[in-house]
């Protein structure tokens, strides 16, 4: 790999959930804080650097679900499935 090349993680699972991912990023992140790239392996801690309680409260308000500590560590695509199984 040359000095100017980057390797990104796989995105197949998130590609299947592109609409849900885009909606999640808009609902959960302020515009200036939204990640430019999310891989299938990424969890909330990989894309969010704020307060867990604040993020969990925002999730409760927007998805009707409070996040557990384990939810912050699961891959984002699995979290999307979880959130949409309980989405209002």
Protein backbone atom coordinates (compact mmCIF):
# COMPACT_ATOMS: atom_id res chain seq x y z
CA UNK A 1 0.00 0.00 0.00
CA UNK A 2 1.42 3.37 -0.96
CA UNK A 3 1.70 6.32 1.40
CA UNK A 4 -1.48 7.99 0.04
CA UNK A 5 -3.74 4.93 0.08
CA UNK A 6 -6.16 4.05 2.86
CA UNK A 7 -7.87 0.78 3.62
CA UNK A 8 -11.46 1.03 4.77
CA UNK A 9 -13.43 -1.74 6.44
CA UNK A 10 -16.20 -3.68 4.78
CA UNK A 11 -19.61 -2.03 4.44
CA UNK A 12 -21.81 -4.83 3.05
CA UNK A 13 -24.11 -5.06 6.06
CA UNK A 14 -24.51 -1.30 6.31
CA UNK A 15 -25.11 -1.04 2.56
CA UNK A 16 -28.14 -3.30 3.08
CA UNK A 17 -29.37 -0.76 5.65
CA UNK A 18 -28.36 2.45 3.87
CA UNK A 19 -31.70 4.18 4.45
CA UNK A 20 -31.74 3.27 8.15
CA UNK A 21 -28.09 4.30 8.58
CA UNK A 22 -28.63 7.70 6.96
CA UNK A 23 -31.73 8.26 9.10
CA UNK A 24 -29.82 7.23 12.24
CA UNK A 25 -26.94 9.60 11.50
CA UNK A 26 -29.32 12.52 10.92
CA UNK A 27 -31.42 11.74 14.00
CA UNK A 28 -28.56 11.02 16.40
CA UNK A 29 -25.72 13.34 15.35
CA UNK A 30 -25.50 17.07 14.87
CA UNK A 31 -24.46 17.85 11.31
CA UNK A 32 -20.90 18.80 12.24
CA UNK A 33 -20.47 15.58 14.27
CA UNK A 34 -21.71 13.05 11.69
CA UNK A 35 -19.11 10.52 10.61
CA UNK A 36 -18.10 10.49 6.95
CA UNK A 37 -17.58 6.74 6.90
CA UNK A 38 -18.91 3.85 9.01
CA UNK A 39 -17.68 0.29 8.48
CA UNK A 40 -19.52 -2.91 9.36
CA UNK A 41 -17.18 -3.42 12.33
CA UNK A 42 -17.81 0.05 13.80
CA UNK A 43 -19.69 0.44 17.06
CA UNK A 44 -21.05 3.66 18.58
CA UNK A 45 -17.76 4.23 20.41
CA UNK A 46 -15.97 4.29 17.02
CA UNK A 47 -18.14 7.11 15.67
CA UNK A 48 -19.24 9.03 18.78
CA UNK A 49 -17.01 10.81 21.29
CA UNK A 50 -19.60 12.40 23.59
CA UNK A 51 -21.43 11.48 26.76
CA UNK A 52 -23.09 8.04 26.85
CA UNK A 53 -26.07 9.33 28.87
CA UNK A 54 -26.74 12.14 26.41
CA UNK A 55 -26.58 9.78 23.44
CA UNK A 56 -28.81 7.24 25.17
CA UNK A 57 -31.34 9.96 26.04
CA UNK A 58 -31.33 11.14 22.44
CA UNK A 59 -31.95 7.55 21.34
CA UNK A 60 -34.87 7.23 23.77
CA UNK A 61 -36.37 10.45 22.42
CA UNK A 62 -35.92 9.52 18.76
CA UNK A 63 -36.28 5.73 18.77
CA UNK A 64 -38.12 4.98 22.01
CA UNK A 65 -35.23 2.91 23.38
CA UNK A 66 -32.58 3.60 26.00
CA UNK A 67 -29.19 2.15 25.06
CA UNK A 68 -27.46 -0.29 27.39
CA UNK A 69 -23.66 -0.36 27.78
CA UNK A 70 -23.62 -3.45 25.51
CA UNK A 71 -25.53 -1.55 22.80
CA UNK A 72 -22.67 0.95 22.54
CA UNK A 73 -20.28 -1.92 21.73
CA UNK A 74 -22.33 -3.82 19.14
CA UNK A 75 -21.75 -3.16 15.44
CA UNK A 76 -23.84 -0.22 14.23
CA UNK A 77 -25.65 -2.40 11.68
CA UNK A 78 -26.84 -4.71 14.47
CA UNK A 79 -27.91 -1.70 16.52
CA UNK A 80 -29.92 -0.42 13.55
CA UNK A 81 -31.74 -3.75 13.37
CA UNK A 82 -32.45 -3.54 17.11
CA UNK A 83 -33.70 0.03 16.91
CA UNK A 84 -35.95 -0.66 13.96
CA UNK A 85 -37.43 -3.76 15.56
CA UNK A 86 -38.76 -1.46 18.31
CA UNK A 87 -39.20 1.72 16.21
CA UNK A 88 -42.48 3.50 16.71
